[in-house]
Protein backbone atom coordinates (compact mmCIF):
# COMPACT_ATOMS: atom_id res chain seq x y z
CA MET A 1 -10.40 11.02 -4.93
CA GLN A 2 -8.87 12.61 -1.79
CA TYR A 3 -8.12 10.66 1.26
CA ASP A 4 -7.89 12.02 4.89
CA ARG A 5 -4.72 10.44 5.90
CA ASP A 6 -4.72 11.70 9.48
CA ALA A 7 -8.15 10.01 9.89
CA ILE A 8 -6.94 6.98 8.23
CA VAL A 9 -3.83 6.69 10.41
CA SER A 10 -6.02 7.25 13.49
CA GLY A 11 -8.43 4.48 12.62
CA LEU A 12 -5.76 2.04 11.79
CA THR A 13 -3.96 2.95 15.08
CA ARG A 14 -6.99 2.70 17.28
CA ALA A 15 -7.79 -0.91 15.64
CA LEU A 16 -4.31 -2.19 15.87
CA GLU A 17 -3.66 -1.01 19.38
CA VAL A 18 -6.57 -3.33 20.47
CA SER A 19 -5.67 -6.29 18.21
CA ASP A 20 -4.06 -9.21 19.81
CA GLY A 21 -0.53 -9.94 18.65
CA VAL A 22 0.37 -6.60 17.31
CA PRO A 23 3.47 -5.35 19.06
CA ASP A 24 3.07 -1.57 20.21
CA GLU A 25 6.20 -0.73 18.18
CA ALA A 26 4.70 -2.11 15.06
CA VAL A 27 1.35 -0.16 15.13
CA ARG A 28 2.93 3.08 13.91
CA ASP A 29 4.82 1.37 11.18
CA ILE A 30 1.86 -0.45 9.94
CA ALA A 31 -0.22 2.73 9.72
CA PHE A 32 2.57 4.37 7.90
CA HIS A 33 3.05 1.52 5.39
CA MET A 34 -0.65 1.38 4.68
CA THR A 35 -0.95 5.07 3.96
CA ASP A 36 2.28 6.36 2.43
CA TRP A 37 1.02 5.29 -0.93
CA LEU A 38 -2.52 7.11 -0.70
CA ASP A 39 -1.44 9.41 -3.50
CA ASP A 40 -0.57 6.32 -5.60
CA MET A 41 -3.87 5.02 -4.99
CA SER A 42 -5.63 8.22 -5.72
CA GLU A 43 -3.78 8.42 -9.24
CA LEU A 44 -4.61 4.74 -10.01
CA HIS A 45 -8.37 5.38 -8.97
CA ALA A 46 -8.52 8.43 -11.36
CA PHE A 47 -7.27 6.41 -14.18
CA TYR A 48 -9.60 3.28 -13.38
CA THR A 49 -12.51 5.59 -13.46
CA SER A 50 -11.54 7.57 -16.57
CA PRO A 51 -9.02 5.36 -18.58
CA ASP A 52 -9.65 7.19 -21.82
CA THR A 53 -8.56 10.47 -20.41
CA CYS A 54 -4.92 9.48 -19.99
CA SER A 55 -2.09 9.50 -22.51
CA THR A 56 0.09 6.28 -22.87
CA LYS A 57 2.95 8.19 -21.20
CA GLN A 58 0.60 9.02 -18.31
CA VAL A 59 -0.56 5.44 -17.93
CA THR A 60 3.06 3.93 -18.15
CA ASP A 61 4.38 6.62 -15.69
CA LEU A 62 1.53 5.73 -13.27
CA LEU A 63 2.21 2.13 -13.58
CA MET A 64 5.91 2.48 -12.90
CA GLY A 65 5.29 4.72 -9.95
CA PHE A 66 2.69 2.48 -8.33
CA LEU A 67 4.55 -0.83 -9.12
CA LEU A 68 7.88 0.61 -7.61
CA HIS A 69 6.34 2.16 -4.54
CA VAL A 70 3.32 0.26 -3.44
CA PRO A 71 4.25 -3.36 -3.18
CA ASN A 72 7.08 -2.81 -0.74
CA HIS A 73 4.88 -1.01 1.58
CA LEU A 74 2.26 -3.72 1.48
CA ALA A 75 4.91 -6.47 1.89
CA ALA A 76 6.18 -4.58 4.97
CA ALA A 77 2.70 -4.00 6.47
CA SER A 78 1.81 -7.57 5.88
CA LYS A 79 4.99 -8.87 7.62
CA LEU A 80 4.51 -6.42 10.58
CA TYR A 81 0.84 -7.29 10.98
CA THR A 82 0.74 -11.10 9.96
CA GLY A 83 4.29 -12.20 10.76
CA GLU A 84 4.13 -14.07 7.22
CA PRO A 85 6.74 -13.15 4.64
CA VAL A 86 5.41 -12.28 1.07
CA THR A 87 5.82 -15.22 -1.26
CA ASP A 88 5.93 -15.71 -4.98
CA VAL A 89 2.51 -17.39 -5.29
CA PHE A 90 2.55 -17.09 -8.99
CA GLY A 91 5.94 -18.59 -9.55
CA ILE A 92 7.48 -15.88 -11.59
CA GLY A 93 10.45 -14.84 -9.40
CA ALA A 94 8.65 -11.91 -7.89
CA THR A 95 10.50 -12.01 -4.76
CA THR A 96 14.01 -12.45 -6.25
CA GLN A 97 16.20 -9.98 -8.12
């Protein structure tokens, strides 16, 4: 699955620019954090649609890459957009080292 990163950034930017409460300086950062991991999402989507075509190594590499890259971008975008920090809703120490 391919994504048009420029079109997505433009759409996000347009929406955020007219949203109440989103500081101008945060608009570009939110759009970045919501698109920097599109390649990770494409790889995950490819696996989810055809899980039997991937080797165990491919799956574990995919998971490792996705889980190390994407959550930090989502946490940053969430904080910038909502003002709320990410919390450990499952109580597993997810927000501590």
